[in-house]
Amino acid sequence: MIEELNNKNFKSFTSGGLKLVEFYARWCGFCQKQKPILEELTNIIVGTVDIDENPNIAAEYKISGYPTFILFKNGKEAARFSGLHSKYDLINRTMDFIS
C-alpha cells in the first residue's frame, strides 16, 4: 500500500521503522512510469509526496529532480537516490538497511 504524504502526516509516517518515500511530480513522465512499480512493492512501506502540493517538504529535503527517493530509518535519512528504478532495485536498496 502506498500512502500519500503531506504536511500533516509526513513526520509521523517517517518517524519509526524503515520507510521508502518517493518525491514526485504529477507532470513527470518518469514518475508516472514509477507508480505501477511502487504498487508492486507490497513488502515495503512506501509513501509519496507530491512536490507541487507540498513544496515545503521538498524544500526541507532539498529535492531538485524527480522522482527522488529517500529511505528513512527511524526518522532519519538513511539513503537517497533519484531516477526511475525497477522493483528489484528498490527492494535491493531497501534490504541493505534491514537489521
PDB file of N, CA and C in Angstrom:
ATOM      1  N   MET A   1       0.845  -1.186   0.000  1.00  0.00           N
ATOM      2  CA  MET A   1       0.000   0.000   0.000  1.00  0.00           C
ATOM      3  C   MET A   1       0.890   1.249   0.000  1.00  0.00           C
ATOM      4  N   ILE A   2       0.498   2.202  -0.795  1.00  0.00           N
ATOM      5  CA  ILE A   2       1.225   3.471  -0.866  1.00  0.00           C
ATOM      6  C   ILE A   2       0.412   4.523  -0.120  1.00  0.00           C
ATOM      7  N   GLU A   3       1.081   5.252   0.741  1.00  0.00           N
ATOM      8  CA  GLU A   3       0.412   6.320   1.478  1.00  0.00           C
ATOM      9  C   GLU A   3       0.849   7.667   0.917  1.00  0.00           C
ATOM     10  N   GLU A   4      -0.131   8.482   0.558  1.00  0.00           N
ATOM     11  CA  GLU A   4       0.156   9.837   0.076  1.00  0.00           C
ATOM     12  C   GLU A   4       0.470  10.702   1.292  1.00  0.00           C
ATOM     13  N   LEU A   5       1.632  11.311   1.270  1.00  0.00           N
ATOM     14  CA  LEU A   5       2.086  12.107   2.412  1.00  0.00           C
ATOM     15  C   LEU A   5       1.904  13.593   2.155  1.00  0.00           C
ATOM     16  N   ASN A   6       1.738  14.328   3.255  1.00  0.00           N
ATOM     17  CA  ASN A   6       1.579  15.782   3.187  1.00  0.00           C
ATOM     18  C   ASN A   6       2.128  16.382   4.476  1.00  0.00           C
ATOM     19  N   ASN A   7       1.902  17.662   4.654  1.00  0.00           N
ATOM     20  CA  ASN A   7       2.409  18.358   5.840  1.00  0.00           C
ATOM     21  C   ASN A   7       1.886  17.769   7.146  1.00  0.00           C
ATOM     22  N   LYS A   8       0.709  17.199   7.123  1.00  0.00           N
ATOM     23  CA  LYS A   8       0.094  16.702   8.342  1.00  0.00           C
ATOM     24  C   LYS A   8       0.607  15.328   8.766  1.00  0.00           C
ATOM     25  N   ASN A   9       0.970  14.478   7.799  1.00  0.00           N
ATOM     26  CA  ASN A   9       1.316  13.104   8.168  1.00  0.00           C
ATOM     27  C   ASN A   9       2.753  12.701   7.849  1.00  0.00           C
ATOM     28  N   PHE A  10       3.551  13.576   7.262  1.00  0.00           N
ATOM     29  CA  PHE A  10       4.905  13.216   6.834  1.00  0.00           C
ATOM     30  C   PHE A  10       5.792  12.802   8.007  1.00  0.00           C
ATOM     31  N   LYS A  11       5.867  13.602   9.039  1.00  0.00           N
ATOM     32  CA  LYS A  11       6.753  13.313  10.176  1.00  0.00           C
ATOM     33  C   LYS A  11       6.340  12.039  10.903  1.00  0.00           C
ATOM     34  N   SER A  12       5.052  11.844  11.111  1.00  0.00           N
ATOM     35  CA  SER A  12       4.616  10.633  11.814  1.00  0.00           C
ATOM     36  C   SER A  12       4.862   9.387  10.960  1.00  0.00           C
ATOM     37  N   PHE A  13       4.709   9.499   9.646  1.00  0.00           N
ATOM     38  CA  PHE A  13       4.955   8.364   8.757  1.00  0.00           C
ATOM     39  C   PHE A  13       6.424   7.961   8.784  1.00  0.00           C
ATOM     40  N   THR A  14       7.319   8.928   8.740  1.00  0.00           N
ATOM     41  CA  THR A  14       8.747   8.629   8.642  1.00  0.00           C
ATOM     42  C   THR A  14       9.428   8.421   9.991  1.00  0.00           C
ATOM     43  N   SER A  15       8.729   8.635  11.087  1.00  0.00           N
ATOM     44  CA  SER A  15       9.372   8.642  12.403  1.00  0.00           C
ATOM     45  C   SER A  15       9.851   7.286  12.895  1.00  0.00           C
ATOM     46  N   GLY A  16       9.215   6.213  12.520  1.00  0.00           N
ATOM     47  CA  GLY A  16       9.611   4.914  13.048  1.00  0.00           C
ATOM     48  C   GLY A  16       9.755   3.864  11.976  1.00  0.00           C
ATOM     49  N   GLY A  17      10.694   2.959  12.166  1.00  0.00           N
ATOM     50  CA  GLY A  17      10.890   1.864  11.230  1.00  0.00           C
ATOM     51  C   GLY A  17      11.585   2.299   9.957  1.00  0.00           C
ATOM     52  N   LEU A  18      11.468   1.469   8.942  1.00  0.00           N
ATOM     53  CA  LEU A  18      12.104   1.703   7.652  1.00  0.00           C
ATOM     54  C   LEU A  18      11.028   2.055   6.637  1.00  0.00           C
ATOM     55  N   LYS A  19      11.100   3.250   6.059  1.00  0.00           N
ATOM     56  CA  LYS A  19      10.096   3.733   5.113  1.00  0.00           C
ATOM     57  C   LYS A  19      10.775   4.295   3.872  1.00  0.00           C
ATOM     58  N   LEU A  20      10.256   3.956   2.715  1.00  0.00           N
ATOM     59  CA  LEU A  20      10.728   4.491   1.445  1.00  0.00           C
ATOM     60  C   LEU A  20       9.768   5.587   1.016  1.00  0.00           C
ATOM     61  N   VAL A  21      10.300   6.787   0.758  1.00  0.00           N
ATOM     62  CA  VAL A  21       9.451   7.914   0.362  1.00  0.00           C
ATOM     63  C   VAL A  21       9.878   8.386  -1.016  1.00  0.00           C
ATOM     64  N   GLU A  22       8.910   8.462  -1.922  1.00  0.00           N
ATOM     65  CA  GLU A  22       9.157   8.990  -3.263  1.00  0.00           C
ATOM     66  C   GLU A  22       8.642  10.422  -3.323  1.00  0.00           C
ATOM     67  N   PHE A  23       9.508  11.327  -3.749  1.00  0.00           N
ATOM     68  CA  PHE A  23       9.106  12.697  -4.038  1.00  0.00           C
ATOM     69  C   PHE A  23       8.871  12.749  -5.541  1.00  0.00           C
ATOM     70  N   TYR A  24       7.663  13.134  -5.943  1.00  0.00           N
ATOM     71  CA  TYR A  24       7.299  13.067  -7.353  1.00  0.00           C
ATOM     72  C   TYR A  24       6.513  14.295  -7.772  1.00  0.00           C
ATOM     73  N   ALA A  25       6.367  14.417  -9.082  1.00  0.00           N
ATOM     74  CA  ALA A  25       5.502  15.444  -9.647  1.00  0.00           C
ATOM     75  C   ALA A  25       4.545  14.753 -10.621  1.00  0.00           C
ATOM     76  N   ARG A  26       3.289  15.129 -10.593  1.00  0.00           N
ATOM     77  CA  ARG A  26       2.296  14.502 -11.477  1.00  0.00           C
ATOM     78  C   ARG A  26       2.640  14.679 -12.947  1.00  0.00           C
ATOM     79  N   TRP A  27       3.320  15.766 -13.273  1.00  0.00           N
ATOM     80  CA  TRP A  27       3.660  16.061 -14.664  1.00  0.00           C
ATOM     81  C   TRP A  27       4.940  15.361 -15.125  1.00  0.00           C
ATOM     82  N   CYS A  28       5.614  14.655 -14.237  1.00  0.00           N
ATOM     83  CA  CYS A  28       6.893  13.996 -14.532  1.00  0.00           C
ATOM     84  C   CYS A  28       6.648  12.628 -15.182  1.00  0.00           C
ATOM     85  N   GLY A  29       7.163  12.452 -16.395  1.00  0.00           N
ATOM     86  CA  GLY A  29       6.986  11.192 -17.121  1.00  0.00           C
ATOM     87  C   GLY A  29       7.597   9.998 -16.410  1.00  0.00           C
ATOM     88  N   PHE A  30       8.811  10.164 -15.869  1.00  0.00           N
ATOM     89  CA  PHE A  30       9.444   9.060 -15.140  1.00  0.00           C
ATOM     90  C   PHE A  30       8.645   8.708 -13.886  1.00  0.00           C
ATOM     91  N   CYS A  31       8.080   9.711 -13.233  1.00  0.00           N
ATOM     92  CA  CYS A  31       7.270   9.468 -12.042  1.00  0.00           C
ATOM     93  C   CYS A  31       6.026   8.654 -12.399  1.00  0.00           C
ATOM     94  N   GLN A  32       5.421   8.947 -13.541  1.00  0.00           N
ATOM     95  CA  GLN A  32       4.245   8.203 -13.985  1.00  0.00           C
ATOM     96  C   GLN A  32       4.603   6.747 -14.262  1.00  0.00           C
ATOM     97  N   LYS A  33       5.788   6.509 -14.818  1.00  0.00           N
ATOM     98  CA  LYS A  33       6.238   5.137 -15.069  1.00  0.00           C
ATOM     99  C   LYS A  33       6.597   4.425 -13.770  1.00  0.00           C
ATOM    100  N   GLN A  34       7.019   5.178 -12.765  1.00  0.00           N
ATOM    101  CA  GLN A  34       7.436   4.599 -11.492  1.00  0.00           C
ATOM    102  C   GLN A  34       6.254   4.119 -10.663  1.00  0.00           C
ATOM    103  N   LYS A  35       5.103   4.777 -10.769  1.00  0.00           N
ATOM    104  CA  LYS A  35       3.960   4.476  -9.897  1.00  0.00           C
ATOM    105  C   LYS A  35       3.531   3.005  -9.928  1.00  0.00           C
ATOM    106  N   PRO A  36       3.350   2.372 -11.104  1.00  0.00           N
ATOM    107  CA  PRO A  36       2.945   0.958 -11.072  1.00  0.00           C
ATOM    108  C   PRO A  36       4.006   0.049 -10.448  1.00  0.00           C
ATOM    109  N   ILE A  37       5.265   0.433 -10.558  1.00  0.00           N
ATOM    110  CA  ILE A  37       6.333  -0.346  -9.932  1.00  0.00           C
ATOM    111  C   ILE A  37       6.223  -0.246  -8.415  1.00  0.00           C
ATOM    112  N   LEU A  38       5.954   0.952  -7.913  1.00  0.00           N
ATOM    113  CA  LEU A  38       5.794   1.131  -6.464  1.00  0.00           C
ATOM    114  C   LEU A  38       4.617   0.321  -5.932  1.00  0.00           C
ATOM    115  N   GLU A  39       3.553   0.233  -6.731  1.00  0.00           N
ATOM    116  CA  GLU A  39       2.372  -0.511  -6.295  1.00  0.00           C
ATOM    117  C   GLU A  39       2.660  -2.004  -6.151  1.00  0.00           C
ATOM    118  N   GLU A  40       3.723  -2.501  -6.783  1.00  0.00           N
ATOM    119  CA  GLU A  40       4.105  -3.907  -6.663  1.00  0.00           C
ATOM    120  C   GLU A  40       4.888  -4.186  -5.380  1.00  0.00           C
ATOM    121  N   LEU A  41       5.354  -3.163  -4.704  1.00  0.00           N
ATOM    122  CA  LEU A  41       6.187  -3.336  -3.515  1.00  0.00           C
ATOM    123  C   LEU A  41       5.322  -3.546  -2.272  1.00  0.00           C
ATOM    124  N   THR A  42       4.659  -4.672  -2.212  1.00  0.00           N
ATOM    125  CA  THR A  42       3.740  -4.925  -1.104  1.00  0.00           C
ATOM    126  C   THR A  42       4.466  -5.244   0.196  1.00  0.00           C
ATOM    127  N   ASN A  43       5.767  -5.561   0.116  1.00  0.00           N
ATOM    128  CA  ASN A  43       6.518  -5.898   1.324  1.00  0.00           C
ATOM    129  C   ASN A  43       7.349  -4.732   1.848  1.00  0.00           C
ATOM    130  N   ILE A  44       7.223  -3.570   1.245  1.00  0.00           N
ATOM    131  CA  ILE A  44       7.945  -2.372   1.672  1.00  0.00           C
ATOM    132  C   ILE A  44       6.925  -1.274   1.936  1.00  0.00           C
ATOM    133  N   ILE A  45       7.088  -0.556   3.026  1.00  0.00           N
ATOM    134  CA  ILE A  45       6.180   0.547   3.338  1.00  0.00           C
ATOM    135  C   ILE A  45       6.620   1.757   2.523  1.00  0.00           C
ATOM    136  N   VAL A  46       5.717   2.232   1.666  1.00  0.00           N
ATOM    137  CA  VAL A  46       6.038   3.306   0.726  1.00  0.00           C
ATOM    138  C   VAL A  46       5.111   4.495   0.954  1.00  0.00           C
ATOM    139  N   GLY A  47       5.704   5.671   0.942  1.00  0.00           N
ATOM    140  CA  GLY A  47       4.943   6.915   0.976  1.00  0.00           C
ATOM    141  C   GLY A  47       5.356   7.759  -0.211  1.00  0.00           C
ATOM    142  N   THR A  48       4.455   8.612  -0.668  1.00  0.00           N
ATOM    143  CA  THR A  48       4.765   9.507  -1.771  1.00  0.00           C
ATOM    144  C   THR A  48       4.423  10.940  -1.392  1.00  0.00           C
ATOM    145  N   VAL A  49       5.217  11.865  -1.913  1.00  0.00           N
ATOM    146  CA  VAL A  49       4.998  13.287  -1.661  1.00  0.00           C
ATOM    147  C   VAL A  49       4.875  13.993  -3.004  1.00  0.00           C
ATOM    148  N   ASP A  50       3.717  14.581  -3.263  1.00  0.00           N
ATOM    149  CA  ASP A  50       3.515  15.397  -4.455  1.00  0.00           C
ATOM    150  C   ASP A  50       4.167  16.749  -4.176  1.00  0.00           C
ATOM    151  N   ILE A  51       5.240  17.043  -4.889  1.00  0.00           N
ATOM    152  CA  ILE A  51       6.022  18.247  -4.594  1.00  0.00           C
ATOM    153  C   ILE A  51       5.268  19.530  -4.952  1.00  0.00           C
ATOM    154  N   ASP A  52       4.319  19.449  -5.868  1.00  0.00           N
ATOM    155  CA  ASP A  52       3.542  20.639  -6.214  1.00  0.00           C
ATOM    156  C   ASP A  52       2.559  21.006  -5.106  1.00  0.00           C
ATOM    157  N   GLU A  53       2.058  20.007  -4.396  1.00  0.00           N
ATOM    158  CA  GLU A  53       1.126  20.254  -3.303  1.00  0.00           C
ATOM    159  C   GLU A  53       1.828  20.428  -1.953  1.00  0.00           C
ATOM    160  N   ASN A  54       3.082  19.988  -1.865  1.00  0.00           N
ATOM    161  CA  ASN A  54       3.839  20.049  -0.608  1.00  0.00           C
ATOM    162  C   ASN A  54       5.248  20.574  -0.856  1.00  0.00           C
ATOM    163  N   PRO A  55       5.369  21.794  -1.381  1.00  0.00           N
ATOM    164  CA  PRO A  55       6.696  22.317  -1.723  1.00  0.00           C
ATOM    165  C   PRO A  55       7.607  22.510  -0.518  1.00  0.00           C
ATOM    166  N   ASN A  56       7.031  22.728   0.656  1.00  0.00           N
ATOM    167  CA  ASN A  56       7.870  22.942   1.842  1.00  0.00           C
ATOM    168  C   ASN A  56       8.593  21.662   2.264  1.00  0.00           C
ATOM    169  N   ILE A  57       7.955  20.492   2.095  1.00  0.00           N
ATOM    170  CA  ILE A  57       8.627  19.233   2.414  1.00  0.00           C
ATOM    171  C   ILE A  57       9.752  18.998   1.413  1.00  0.00           C
ATOM    172  N   ALA A  58       9.473  19.233   0.141  1.00  0.00           N
ATOM    173  CA  ALA A  58      10.505  19.078  -0.895  1.00  0.00           C
ATOM    174  C   ALA A  58      11.674  20.022  -0.643  1.00  0.00           C
ATOM    175  N   ALA A  59      11.393  21.240  -0.226  1.00  0.00           N
ATOM    176  CA  ALA A  59      12.460  22.207   0.061  1.00  0.00           C
ATOM    177  C   ALA A  59      13.278  21.779   1.279  1.00  0.00           C
ATOM    178  N   GLU A  60      12.600  21.270   2.299  1.00  0.00           N
ATOM    179  CA  GLU A  60      13.300  20.831   3.506  1.00  0.00           C
ATOM    180  C   GLU A  60      14.326  19.737   3.194  1.00  0.00           C
ATOM    181  N   TYR A  61      13.985  18.864   2.253  1.00  0.00           N
ATOM    182  CA  TYR A  61      14.886  17.767   1.899  1.00  0.00           C
ATOM    183  C   TYR A  61      15.690  18.042   0.629  1.00  0.00           C
ATOM    184  N   LYS A  62      15.640  19.291   0.174  1.00  0.00           N
ATOM    185  CA  LYS A  62      16.439  19.751  -0.976  1.00  0.00           C
ATOM    186  C   LYS A  62      16.252  18.853  -2.210  1.00  0.00           C
ATOM    187  N   ILE A  63      14.985  18.613  -2.540  1.00  0.00           N
ATOM    188  CA  ILE A  63      14.649  17.784  -3.698  1.00  0.00           C
ATOM    189  C   ILE A  63      14.708  18.653  -4.945  1.00  0.00           C
ATOM    190  N   SER A  64      15.480  18.216  -5.936  1.00  0.00           N
ATOM    191  CA  SER A  64      15.602  19.015  -7.160  1.00  0.00           C
ATOM    192  C   SER A  64      15.304  18.225  -8.422  1.00  0.00           C
ATOM    193  N   GLY A  65      15.274  16.908  -8.370  1.00  0.00           N
ATOM    194  CA  GLY A  65      14.960  16.071  -9.523  1.00  0.00           C
ATOM    195  C   GLY A  65      13.882  15.080  -9.156  1.00  0.00           C
ATOM    196  N   TYR A  66      13.192  14.575 -10.163  1.00  0.00           N
ATOM    197  CA  TYR A  66      12.044  13.696  -9.904  1.00  0.00           C
ATOM    198  C   TYR A  66      12.103  12.473 -10.795  1.00  0.00           C
ATOM    199  N   PRO A  67      11.742  11.322 -10.289  1.00  0.00           N
ATOM    200  CA  PRO A  67      11.475  11.072  -8.875  1.00  0.00           C
ATOM    201  C   PRO A  67      12.769  11.002  -8.072  1.00  0.00           C
ATOM    202  N   THR A  68      12.673  11.406  -6.819  1.00  0.00           N
ATOM    203  CA  THR A  68      13.761  11.232  -5.859  1.00  0.00           C
ATOM    204  C   THR A  68      13.218  10.387  -4.721  1.00  0.00           C
ATOM    205  N   PHE A  69      14.006   9.422  -4.301  1.00  0.00           N
ATOM    206  CA  PHE A  69      13.628   8.545  -3.202  1.00  0.00           C
ATOM    207  C   PHE A  69      14.522   8.816  -2.011  1.00  0.00           C
ATOM    208  N   ILE A  70      13.913   8.857  -0.842  1.00  0.00           N
ATOM    209  CA  ILE A  70      14.673   8.908   0.403  1.00  0.00           C
ATOM    210  C   ILE A  70      14.195   7.733   1.246  1.00  0.00           C
ATOM    211  N   LEU A  71      15.146   6.964   1.725  1.00  0.00           N
ATOM    212  CA  LEU A  71      14.848   5.866   2.621  1.00  0.00           C
ATOM    213  C   LEU A  71      15.083   6.364   4.045  1.00  0.00           C
ATOM    214  N   PHE A  72      14.028   6.361   4.833  1.00  0.00           N
ATOM    215  CA  PHE A  72      14.099   6.818   6.217  1.00  0.00           C
ATOM    216  C   PHE A  72      14.183   5.612   7.142  1.00  0.00           C
ATOM    217  N   LYS A  73      15.072   5.688   8.100  1.00  0.00           N
ATOM    218  CA  LYS A  73      15.161   4.655   9.134  1.00  0.00           C
ATOM    219  C   LYS A  73      15.037   5.352  10.470  1.00  0.00           C
ATOM    220  N   ASN A  74      13.949   5.053  11.170  1.00  0.00           N
ATOM    221  CA  ASN A  74      13.646   5.664  12.473  1.00  0.00           C
ATOM    222  C   ASN A  74      13.713   7.185  12.415  1.00  0.00           C
ATOM    223  N   GLY A  75      13.145   7.753  11.356  1.00  0.00           N
ATOM    224  CA  GLY A  75      13.025   9.195  11.238  1.00  0.00           C
ATOM    225  C   GLY A  75      14.218   9.910  10.634  1.00  0.00           C
ATOM    226  N   LYS A  76      15.284   9.183  10.342  1.00  0.00           N
ATOM    227  CA  LYS A  76      16.491   9.810   9.792  1.00  0.00           C
ATOM    228  C   LYS A  76      16.753   9.299   8.377  1.00  0.00           C
ATOM    229  N   GLU A  77      17.275  10.181   7.534  1.00  0.00           N
ATOM    230  CA  GLU A  77      17.597   9.796   6.169  1.00  0.00           C
ATOM    231  C   GLU A  77      18.733   8.780   6.180  1.00  0.00           C
ATOM    232  N   ALA A  78      18.479   7.602   5.593  1.00  0.00           N
ATOM    233  CA  ALA A  78      19.483   6.546   5.532  1.00  0.00           C
ATOM    234  C   ALA A  78      20.096   6.443   4.142  1.00  0.00           C
ATOM    235  N   ALA A  79      19.315   6.781   3.115  1.00  0.00           N
ATOM    236  CA  ALA A  79      19.807   6.696   1.737  1.00  0.00           C
ATOM    237  C   ALA A  79      18.957   7.595   0.856  1.00  0.00           C
ATOM    238  N   ARG A  80      19.559   7.980  -0.271  1.00  0.00           N
ATOM    239  CA  ARG A  80      18.866   8.840  -1.235  1.00  0.00           C
ATOM    240  C   ARG A  80      19.295   8.418  -2.631  1.00  0.00           C
ATOM    241  N   PHE A  81      18.324   8.335  -3.535  1.00  0.00           N
ATOM    242  CA  PHE A  81      18.629   8.027  -4.922  1.00  0.00           C
ATOM    243  C   PHE A  81      17.536   8.604  -5.803  1.00  0.00           C
ATOM    244  N   SER A  82      17.899   8.901  -7.032  1.00  0.00           N
ATOM    245  CA  SER A  82      16.980   9.566  -7.960  1.00  0.00           C
ATOM    246  C   SER A  82      16.805   8.740  -9.221  1.00  0.00           C
ATOM    247  N   GLY A  83      15.747   9.060  -9.958  1.00  0.00           N
ATOM    248  CA  GLY A  83      15.505   8.440 -11.250  1.00  0.00           C
ATOM    249  C   GLY A  83      14.552   7.262 -11.174  1.00  0.00           C
ATOM    250  N   LEU A  84      14.249   6.726 -12.330  1.00  0.00           N
ATOM    251  CA  LEU A  84      13.356   5.581 -12.464  1.00  0.00           C
ATOM    252  C   LEU A  84      14.098   4.321 -12.042  1.00  0.00           C
ATOM    253  N   HIS A  85      13.472   3.508 -11.172  1.00  0.00           N
ATOM    254  CA  HIS A  85      14.106   2.288 -10.666  1.00  0.00           C
ATOM    255  C   HIS A  85      13.167   1.104 -10.811  1.00  0.00           C
ATOM    256  N   SER A  86      13.749  -0.057 -11.069  1.00  0.00           N
ATOM    257  CA  SER A  86      12.957  -1.281 -11.153  1.00  0.00           C
ATOM    258  C   SER A  86      12.521  -1.709  -9.752  1.00  0.00           C
ATOM    259  N   LYS A  87      11.543  -2.577  -9.721  1.00  0.00           N
ATOM    260  CA  LYS A  87      11.063  -3.141  -8.462  1.00  0.00           C
ATOM    261  C   LYS A  87      12.223  -3.797  -7.705  1.00  0.00           C
ATOM    262  N   TYR A  88      13.047  -4.557  -8.407  1.00  0.00           N
ATOM    263  CA  TYR A  88      14.134  -5.294  -7.761  1.00  0.00           C
ATOM    264  C   TYR A  88      15.220  -4.356  -7.244  1.00  0.00           C
ATOM    265  N   ASP A  89      15.470  -3.276  -7.953  1.00  0.00           N
ATOM    266  CA  ASP A  89      16.449  -2.305  -7.482  1.00  0.00           C
ATOM    267  C   ASP A  89      15.965  -1.634  -6.193  1.00  0.00           C
ATOM    268  N   LEU A  90      14.692  -1.273  -6.149  1.00  0.00           N
ATOM    269  CA  LEU A  90      14.137  -0.654  -4.939  1.00  0.00           C
ATOM    270  C   LEU A  90      14.184  -1.624  -3.759  1.00  0.00           C
ATOM    271  N   ILE A  91      13.874  -2.892  -4.015  1.00  0.00           N
ATOM    272  CA  ILE A  91      13.931  -3.895  -2.944  1.00  0.00           C
ATOM    273  C   ILE A  91      15.367  -4.064  -2.463  1.00  0.00           C
ATOM    274  N   ASN A  92      16.312  -4.182  -3.392  1.00  0.00           N
ATOM    275  CA  ASN A  92      17.715  -4.360  -3.007  1.00  0.00           C
ATOM    276  C   ASN A  92      18.250  -3.181  -2.210  1.00  0.00           C
ATOM    277  N   ARG A  93      17.905  -1.976  -2.623  1.00  0.00           N
ATOM    278  CA  ARG A  93      18.381  -0.787  -1.902  1.00  0.00           C
ATOM    279  C   ARG A  93      17.794  -0.748  -0.494  1.00  0.00           C
ATOM    280  N   THR A  94      16.561  -1.189  -0.348  1.00  0.00           N
ATOM    281  CA  THR A  94      15.912  -1.214   0.957  1.00  0.00           C
ATOM    282  C   THR A  94      16.493  -2.317   1.851  1.00  0.00           C
ATOM    283  N   MET A  95      16.784  -3.475   1.265  1.00  0.00           N
ATOM    284  CA  MET A  95      17.299  -4.606   2.029  1.00  0.00           C
ATOM    285  C   MET A  95      18.628  -4.282   2.717  1.00  0.00           C
ATOM    286  N   ASP A  96      19.405  -3.390   2.138  1.00  0.00           N
ATOM    287  CA  ASP A  96      20.688  -3.011   2.731  1.00  0.00           C
ATOM    288  C   ASP A  96      20.525  -2.392   4.122  1.00  0.00           C
ATOM    289  N   PHE A  97      19.311  -1.912   4.451  1.00  0.00           N
ATOM    290  CA  PHE A  97      19.095  -1.205   5.718  1.00  0.00           C
ATOM    291  C   PHE A  97      18.211  -1.964   6.695  1.00  0.00           C
ATOM    292  N   ILE A  98      17.861  -3.186   6.349  1.00  0.00           N
ATOM    293  CA  ILE A  98      17.066  -4.005   7.272  1.00  0.00           C
ATOM    294  C   ILE A  98      18.014  -4.651   8.263  1.00  0.00           C
ATOM    295  N   SER A  99      17.724  -4.447   9.535  1.00  0.00           N
ATOM    296  CA  SER A  99      18.592  -5.049  10.563  1.00  0.00           C
ATOM    297  C   SER A  99      17.780  -5.811  11.578  1.00  0.00           C
TER     298      SER A  99
END
